[in-house]
């Protein structure tokens, strides 16, 4: 009976070692799978962040371009108005300047 009991204990120990080995292998597989899933999630988050940043930059550039066009157009209109408002006075100032020069320095 001792031999049978000892054999059974050895068999159970071998079986337990096999279960532990399988559990370690399964644990390693789960850790590797989790690591891969984590790395994939990080990669996707980076890509999503990059896409978002790129889209935001494009949107901001579009807004800046539209704003710049409006500012340039407003400046052009203001310049044309200033020029057209001052054009009649140019003749007056030129006449006055000629008279002053002629009166100061003569013919």
N, C-alpha and C. Protein backbone atom coordinates (compact mmCIF):
# COMPACT_ATOMS: atom_id res chain seq x y z
N UNK A 1 0.81 -1.19 0.00
CA UNK A 1 0.00 0.00 0.00
C UNK A 1 0.86 1.26 0.00
N UNK A 2 2.00 1.19 0.67
CA UNK A 2 2.90 2.33 0.67
C UNK A 2 3.40 2.66 -0.71
N UNK A 3 3.71 1.62 -1.46
CA UNK A 3 4.18 1.86 -2.82
C UNK A 3 3.07 2.47 -3.66
N UNK A 4 1.91 1.98 -3.52
CA UNK A 4 0.80 2.49 -4.29
C UNK A 4 0.53 3.94 -3.91
N UNK A 5 0.59 4.21 -2.64
CA UNK A 5 0.37 5.57 -2.17
C UNK A 5 1.49 6.49 -2.66
N UNK A 6 2.72 6.02 -2.58
CA UNK A 6 3.87 6.80 -3.05
C UNK A 6 3.77 7.04 -4.55
N UNK A 7 3.37 6.03 -5.29
CA UNK A 7 3.21 6.19 -6.73
C UNK A 7 2.11 7.22 -7.04
N UNK A 8 1.06 7.12 -6.26
CA UNK A 8 -0.04 8.07 -6.48
C UNK A 8 0.40 9.48 -6.15
N UNK A 9 1.18 9.66 -5.10
CA UNK A 9 1.69 10.99 -4.72
C UNK A 9 2.59 11.51 -5.83
N UNK A 10 3.47 10.64 -6.34
CA UNK A 10 4.35 11.06 -7.44
C UNK A 10 3.53 11.45 -8.68
N UNK A 11 2.55 10.68 -8.98
CA UNK A 11 1.69 10.98 -10.13
C UNK A 11 0.98 12.31 -9.94
N UNK A 12 0.47 12.52 -8.71
CA UNK A 12 -0.21 13.80 -8.42
C UNK A 12 0.77 14.96 -8.50
N UNK A 13 1.99 14.77 -8.00
CA UNK A 13 3.00 15.83 -8.07
C UNK A 13 3.34 16.14 -9.53
N UNK A 14 3.50 15.12 -10.34
CA UNK A 14 3.79 15.32 -11.76
C UNK A 14 2.62 16.05 -12.43
N UNK A 15 1.43 15.63 -12.08
CA UNK A 15 0.25 16.28 -12.64
C UNK A 15 0.20 17.75 -12.20
N UNK A 16 0.52 18.02 -10.94
CA UNK A 16 0.52 19.39 -10.42
C UNK A 16 1.60 20.21 -11.12
N UNK A 17 2.80 19.62 -11.33
CA UNK A 17 3.86 20.34 -12.04
C UNK A 17 3.41 20.70 -13.46
N UNK A 18 2.72 19.75 -14.10
CA UNK A 18 2.23 20.00 -15.45
C UNK A 18 1.19 21.12 -15.46
N UNK A 19 0.31 21.11 -14.47
CA UNK A 19 -0.71 22.18 -14.36
C UNK A 19 -0.02 23.52 -14.14
N UNK A 20 1.00 23.55 -13.27
CA UNK A 20 1.73 24.79 -12.99
C UNK A 20 2.44 25.27 -14.26
N UNK A 21 3.07 24.34 -14.97
CA UNK A 21 3.76 24.70 -16.22
C UNK A 21 2.78 25.27 -17.23
N UNK A 22 1.63 24.62 -17.36
CA UNK A 22 0.61 25.11 -18.29
C UNK A 22 0.09 26.47 -17.85
N UNK A 23 -0.08 26.65 -16.55
CA UNK A 23 -0.56 27.94 -16.02
C UNK A 23 0.46 29.04 -16.30
N UNK A 24 1.76 28.71 -16.11
CA UNK A 24 2.81 29.70 -16.40
C UNK A 24 2.80 30.06 -17.88
N UNK A 25 2.66 29.05 -18.73
CA UNK A 25 2.62 29.31 -20.17
C UNK A 25 1.41 30.15 -20.53
N UNK A 26 0.27 29.82 -19.96
CA UNK A 26 -0.96 30.60 -20.22
C UNK A 26 -0.80 32.02 -19.70
N UNK A 27 -0.18 32.15 -18.52
CA UNK A 27 0.06 33.49 -17.97
C UNK A 27 0.98 34.30 -18.88
N UNK A 28 2.04 33.68 -19.38
CA UNK A 28 2.95 34.36 -20.29
C UNK A 28 2.23 34.77 -21.57
N UNK A 29 1.38 33.87 -22.07
CA UNK A 29 0.61 34.19 -23.27
C UNK A 29 -0.33 35.37 -23.03
N UNK A 30 -1.00 35.37 -21.87
CA UNK A 30 -1.92 36.47 -21.54
C UNK A 30 -1.17 37.79 -21.39
N UNK A 31 0.01 37.73 -20.75
CA UNK A 31 0.82 38.95 -20.58
C UNK A 31 1.26 39.47 -21.94
N UNK A 32 1.72 38.57 -22.81
CA UNK A 32 2.14 39.00 -24.15
C UNK A 32 0.97 39.58 -24.92
N UNK A 33 -0.18 38.95 -24.81
CA UNK A 33 -1.37 39.44 -25.50
C UNK A 33 -1.77 40.82 -24.96
N UNK A 34 -1.72 40.97 -23.66
CA UNK A 34 -2.07 42.26 -23.05
C UNK A 34 -1.07 43.34 -23.46
N UNK A 35 0.21 42.97 -23.50
CA UNK A 35 1.25 43.92 -23.90
C UNK A 35 1.02 44.36 -25.36
N UNK A 36 0.72 43.41 -26.22
CA UNK A 36 0.46 43.72 -27.62
C UNK A 36 -0.77 44.62 -27.75
N UNK A 37 -1.82 44.30 -27.01
CA UNK A 37 -3.04 45.12 -27.05
C UNK A 37 -2.75 46.53 -26.54
N UNK A 38 -1.94 46.63 -25.50
CA UNK A 38 -1.58 47.95 -24.96
C UNK A 38 -0.76 48.76 -25.95
N UNK A 39 0.20 48.11 -26.58
CA UNK A 39 1.02 48.80 -27.57
C UNK A 39 0.17 49.25 -28.76
N UNK A 40 -0.76 48.42 -29.17
CA UNK A 40 -1.66 48.78 -30.27
C UNK A 40 -2.54 49.96 -29.89
N UNK A 41 -3.04 49.95 -28.65
CA UNK A 41 -3.88 51.06 -28.19
C UNK A 41 -3.08 52.36 -28.16
N UNK A 42 -1.83 52.28 -27.72
CA UNK A 42 -0.97 53.48 -27.68
C UNK A 42 -0.72 53.97 -29.10
N UNK A 43 -0.44 53.06 -30.01
CA UNK A 43 -0.20 53.43 -31.41
C UNK A 43 -1.42 54.12 -32.01
N UNK A 44 -2.60 53.54 -31.77
CA UNK A 44 -3.83 54.13 -32.31
C UNK A 44 -4.10 55.49 -31.69
N UNK A 45 -3.82 55.64 -30.39
CA UNK A 45 -4.02 56.93 -29.73
C UNK A 45 -3.09 57.99 -30.32
N UNK A 46 -1.84 57.61 -30.58
CA UNK A 46 -0.89 58.55 -31.18
C UNK A 46 -1.35 58.96 -32.57
N UNK A 47 -1.79 57.98 -33.35
CA UNK A 47 -2.26 58.29 -34.71
C UNK A 47 -3.49 59.20 -34.66
N UNK A 48 -4.39 58.90 -33.77
CA UNK A 48 -5.60 59.72 -33.64
C UNK A 48 -5.24 61.13 -33.22
N UNK A 49 -4.31 61.25 -32.27
CA UNK A 49 -3.86 62.55 -31.81
C UNK A 49 -3.20 63.33 -32.95
N UNK A 50 -2.37 62.64 -33.72
CA UNK A 50 -1.69 63.29 -34.84
C UNK A 50 -2.70 63.77 -35.88
N UNK A 51 -3.68 62.91 -36.19
CA UNK A 51 -4.72 63.30 -37.15
C UNK A 51 -5.49 64.51 -36.65
N UNK A 52 -5.85 64.50 -35.37
CA UNK A 52 -6.60 65.62 -34.79
C UNK A 52 -5.77 66.90 -34.88
N UNK A 53 -4.49 66.81 -34.51
CA UNK A 53 -3.62 67.99 -34.55
C UNK A 53 -3.49 68.51 -35.98
N UNK A 54 -3.29 67.59 -36.93
CA UNK A 54 -3.14 67.98 -38.33
C UNK A 54 -4.42 68.66 -38.82
N UNK A 55 -5.59 68.11 -38.49
CA UNK A 55 -6.86 68.70 -38.90
C UNK A 55 -7.07 70.07 -38.27
N UNK A 56 -6.69 70.20 -37.00
CA UNK A 56 -6.84 71.49 -36.33
C UNK A 56 -5.92 72.55 -36.95
N UNK A 57 -4.71 72.14 -37.30
CA UNK A 57 -3.79 73.08 -37.95
C UNK A 57 -4.34 73.52 -39.30
N UNK A 58 -4.86 72.57 -40.06
CA UNK A 58 -5.45 72.92 -41.36
C UNK A 58 -6.63 73.86 -41.19
N UNK A 59 -7.48 73.60 -40.20
CA UNK A 59 -8.63 74.46 -39.96
C UNK A 59 -8.17 75.87 -39.57
N UNK A 60 -7.18 75.94 -38.68
CA UNK A 60 -6.67 77.24 -38.25
C UNK A 60 -6.02 77.99 -39.41
N UNK A 61 -5.29 77.26 -40.26
CA UNK A 61 -4.68 77.90 -41.42
C UNK A 61 -5.75 78.44 -42.36
N UNK A 62 -6.83 77.68 -42.54
CA UNK A 62 -7.92 78.16 -43.40
C UNK A 62 -8.56 79.42 -42.84
N UNK A 63 -8.80 79.42 -41.53
CA UNK A 63 -9.37 80.61 -40.89
C UNK A 63 -8.42 81.80 -41.01
N UNK A 64 -7.13 81.55 -40.81
CA UNK A 64 -6.14 82.62 -40.90
C UNK A 64 -6.08 83.17 -42.32
N UNK A 65 -6.15 82.29 -43.31
CA UNK A 65 -6.13 82.73 -44.71
C UNK A 65 -7.34 83.60 -45.01
N UNK A 66 -8.51 83.16 -44.56
CA UNK A 66 -9.73 83.94 -44.80
C UNK A 66 -9.65 85.30 -44.10
N UNK A 67 -9.13 85.29 -42.89
CA UNK A 67 -8.98 86.54 -42.14
C UNK A 67 -7.98 87.47 -42.82
N UNK A 68 -6.89 86.90 -43.32
CA UNK A 68 -5.88 87.71 -44.00
C UNK A 68 -6.45 88.34 -45.27
N UNK A 69 -7.24 87.59 -46.01
CA UNK A 69 -7.86 88.13 -47.23
C UNK A 69 -8.77 89.29 -46.87
N UNK A 70 -9.56 89.14 -45.80
CA UNK A 70 -10.45 90.23 -45.38
C UNK A 70 -9.65 91.47 -44.98
N UNK A 71 -8.57 91.26 -44.23
CA UNK A 71 -7.74 92.39 -43.77
C UNK A 71 -7.10 93.10 -44.96
N UNK A 72 -6.57 92.33 -45.92
CA UNK A 72 -5.94 92.93 -47.11
C UNK A 72 -6.98 93.70 -47.91
N UNK A 73 -8.15 93.13 -48.09
CA UNK A 73 -9.21 93.81 -48.85
C UNK A 73 -9.64 95.11 -48.15
N UNK A 74 -9.78 95.05 -46.83
CA UNK A 74 -10.15 96.25 -46.08
C UNK A 74 -9.06 97.31 -46.20
N UNK A 75 -7.80 96.89 -46.13
CA UNK A 75 -6.69 97.84 -46.28
C UNK A 75 -6.65 98.46 -47.67
N UNK A 76 -6.92 97.63 -48.68
CA UNK A 76 -6.94 98.12 -50.05
C UNK A 76 -8.05 99.16 -50.22
N UNK A 77 -9.24 98.88 -49.69
CA UNK A 77 -10.36 99.83 -49.78
C UNK A 77 -10.02 101.13 -49.05
N UNK A 78 -9.41 101.00 -47.87
CA UNK A 78 -9.05 102.19 -47.10
C UNK A 78 -8.02 103.03 -47.85
N UNK A 79 -7.06 102.34 -48.48
CA UNK A 79 -6.03 103.06 -49.24
C UNK A 79 -6.64 103.78 -50.43
N UNK A 80 -7.53 103.10 -51.16
CA UNK A 80 -8.18 103.73 -52.31
C UNK A 80 -9.02 104.93 -51.87
N UNK A 81 -9.71 104.81 -50.75
CA UNK A 81 -10.52 105.93 -50.24
C UNK A 81 -9.62 107.10 -49.86
N UNK A 82 -8.50 106.80 -49.17
CA UNK A 82 -7.56 107.85 -48.77
C UNK A 82 -7.01 108.55 -50.00
N UNK A 83 -6.65 107.76 -51.00
CA UNK A 83 -6.10 108.33 -52.24
C UNK A 83 -7.13 109.20 -52.94
N UNK A 84 -8.36 108.68 -53.09
CA UNK A 84 -9.38 109.45 -53.81
C UNK A 84 -9.80 110.69 -53.01
N UNK A 85 -9.81 110.61 -51.68
CA UNK A 85 -10.16 111.78 -50.87
C UNK A 85 -9.07 112.84 -50.95
N UNK A 86 -7.83 112.45 -51.04
CA UNK A 86 -6.72 113.41 -51.06
C UNK A 86 -6.36 113.92 -52.44
N UNK A 87 -6.86 113.26 -53.49
CA UNK A 87 -6.50 113.64 -54.85
C UNK A 87 -6.86 115.10 -55.19
N UNK A 88 -8.06 115.59 -54.86
CA UNK A 88 -8.37 116.99 -55.17
C UNK A 88 -7.45 117.98 -54.43
N UNK A 89 -7.04 117.65 -53.24
CA UNK A 89 -6.18 118.55 -52.47
C UNK A 89 -4.76 118.58 -53.04
N UNK A 90 -4.39 117.57 -53.80
CA UNK A 90 -3.04 117.50 -54.36
C UNK A 90 -2.79 118.68 -55.29
N UNK A 91 -3.76 119.01 -56.09
CA UNK A 91 -3.62 120.14 -57.01
C UNK A 91 -3.46 121.44 -56.21
N UNK A 92 -4.27 121.63 -55.18
CA UNK A 92 -4.17 122.82 -54.34
C UNK A 92 -2.79 122.94 -53.71
N UNK A 93 -2.32 121.84 -53.15
CA UNK A 93 -1.02 121.86 -52.48
C UNK A 93 0.09 122.12 -53.49
N UNK A 94 0.00 121.51 -54.66
CA UNK A 94 1.02 121.73 -55.69
C UNK A 94 1.05 123.21 -56.11
N UNK A 95 -0.13 123.80 -56.30
CA UNK A 95 -0.18 125.23 -56.67
C UNK A 95 0.41 126.09 -55.57
N UNK A 96 0.05 125.82 -54.34
CA UNK A 96 0.58 126.59 -53.21
C UNK A 96 2.10 126.45 -53.13
N UNK A 97 2.60 125.22 -53.33
CA UNK A 97 4.04 124.97 -53.24
C UNK A 97 4.78 125.73 -54.34
N UNK A 98 4.24 125.72 -55.55
CA UNK A 98 4.87 126.44 -56.66
C UNK A 98 4.90 127.93 -56.35
N UNK A 99 3.79 128.47 -55.84
CA UNK A 99 3.74 129.90 -55.52
C UNK A 99 4.76 130.26 -54.45
N UNK A 100 4.87 129.40 -53.41
CA UNK A 100 5.84 129.67 -52.36
C UNK A 100 7.27 129.64 -52.87
N UNK A 101 7.58 128.65 -53.68
CA UNK A 101 8.93 128.52 -54.23
C UNK A 101 9.23 129.72 -55.13
N UNK A 102 8.27 130.08 -55.95
CA UNK A 102 8.49 131.19 -56.89
C UNK A 102 8.63 132.50 -56.13
N UNK A 103 7.81 132.65 -55.06
CA UNK A 103 7.93 133.91 -54.31
C UNK A 103 9.22 133.99 -53.51
N UNK A 104 9.70 132.84 -53.07
CA UNK A 104 10.93 132.82 -52.28
C UNK A 104 12.16 132.93 -53.17
N UNK A 105 12.21 132.21 -54.26
CA UNK A 105 13.41 132.14 -55.10
C UNK A 105 13.28 132.89 -56.41
N UNK A 106 12.11 133.39 -56.69
CA UNK A 106 11.91 134.15 -57.92
C UNK A 106 11.71 133.27 -59.13
N UNK A 107 11.77 133.92 -60.28
CA UNK A 107 11.52 133.22 -61.54
C UNK A 107 12.52 132.17 -61.78
